[in-house]
Protein backbone atom coordinates (compact mmCIF):
# COMPACT_ATOMS: atom_id res chain seq x y z
CA UNK A 1 95.76 20.26 73.74
CA UNK A 2 96.37 23.77 72.91
CA UNK A 3 93.68 25.34 70.65
CA UNK A 4 95.25 28.21 68.94
CA UNK A 5 94.20 28.15 65.21
CA UNK A 6 90.65 29.09 64.04
CA UNK A 7 88.86 27.76 60.92
CA UNK A 8 85.44 28.86 59.79
CA UNK A 9 83.41 26.02 58.08
CA UNK A 10 80.10 26.56 56.39
CA UNK A 11 77.58 23.59 56.58
CA UNK A 12 74.27 23.24 54.92
CA UNK A 13 71.38 23.79 57.30
CA UNK A 14 70.54 19.96 57.41
CA UNK A 15 74.19 18.90 58.15
CA UNK A 16 74.51 21.71 60.88
CA UNK A 17 71.26 20.43 62.51
CA UNK A 18 72.33 16.84 62.43
CA UNK A 19 75.81 17.69 63.87
CA UNK A 20 74.42 19.85 66.62
CA UNK A 21 71.99 16.97 67.56
CA UNK A 22 74.86 14.59 67.71
CA UNK A 23 77.00 16.88 69.66
CA UNK A 24 74.23 17.41 72.18
CA UNK A 25 73.67 13.61 72.48
CA UNK A 26 77.31 13.15 73.16
CA UNK A 27 77.55 16.02 75.38
CA UNK A 28 80.30 17.78 73.62
CA UNK A 29 80.64 21.10 71.65
CA UNK A 30 80.19 21.03 67.92
CA UNK A 31 83.82 22.17 67.64
CA UNK A 32 84.99 19.05 69.62
CA UNK A 33 82.78 16.86 67.46
CA UNK A 34 84.49 18.25 64.31
CA UNK A 35 87.92 18.15 65.83
CA UNK A 36 87.41 14.47 66.64
CA UNK A 37 86.14 13.62 63.27
CA UNK A 38 89.13 15.26 61.56
CA UNK A 39 91.51 13.59 63.86
CA UNK A 40 89.90 10.28 63.15
CA UNK A 41 89.94 10.75 59.36
CA UNK A 42 93.15 12.62 58.76
CA UNK A 43 95.20 12.39 61.96
CA UNK A 44 98.73 11.37 61.65
CA UNK A 45 99.68 8.41 63.87
CA UNK A 46 103.22 8.37 64.98
CA UNK A 47 105.38 5.18 64.59
CA UNK A 48 105.18 4.25 68.33
CA UNK A 49 101.37 4.19 68.21
CA UNK A 50 101.52 1.91 65.07
CA UNK A 51 103.90 -0.46 66.77
CA UNK A 52 101.58 -0.58 69.81
CA UNK A 53 98.63 -1.36 67.57
CA UNK A 54 100.62 -4.19 66.03
CA UNK A 55 101.71 -5.59 69.27
CA UNK A 56 98.05 -5.51 70.53
CA UNK A 57 96.86 -7.41 67.34
CA UNK A 58 99.69 -9.93 67.70
CA UNK A 59 98.55 -10.60 71.26
CA UNK A 60 95.05 -11.47 70.29
CA UNK A 61 94.02 -15.12 70.55
CA UNK A 62 91.85 -15.49 67.44
CA UNK A 63 90.65 -18.81 65.94
CA UNK A 64 92.47 -18.37 62.60
CA UNK A 65 93.73 -21.25 60.52
CA UNK A 66 96.72 -21.33 58.18
CA UNK A 67 96.31 -19.72 54.72
CA UNK A 68 95.44 -23.02 52.99
CA UNK A 69 92.81 -23.85 55.64
CA UNK A 70 91.31 -20.38 55.35
CA UNK A 71 91.22 -20.74 51.49
CA UNK A 72 89.39 -24.04 51.75
CA UNK A 73 86.93 -22.54 54.22
CA UNK A 74 86.23 -19.43 52.13
CA UNK A 75 85.64 -21.28 48.74
CA UNK A 76 82.24 -22.75 48.01
CA UNK A 77 82.00 -26.54 47.80
CA UNK A 78 81.51 -27.18 44.02
CA UNK A 79 79.19 -30.05 44.86
CA UNK A 80 76.64 -27.99 46.85
CA UNK A 81 73.97 -25.85 45.34
CA UNK A 82 73.51 -22.26 46.44
CA UNK A 83 70.23 -21.60 48.25
């Protein structure tokens, strides 16, 4: 990735300390930590990445029932008292 644009961000001393500690524990620069956070929060995902994610989810073998079964399992039994 080409890094060619610069932005200055001011942090409170406490947030700066916490971010510096986290970057140190991860073994990355503070800049890398902030870039990763921005990408995770605001990054644009292209259509192919979305399709790949949908395919990966569809391939999971999860124990999920049909909608009516899930509704029955999620609603409390009216005859039972709550603890």
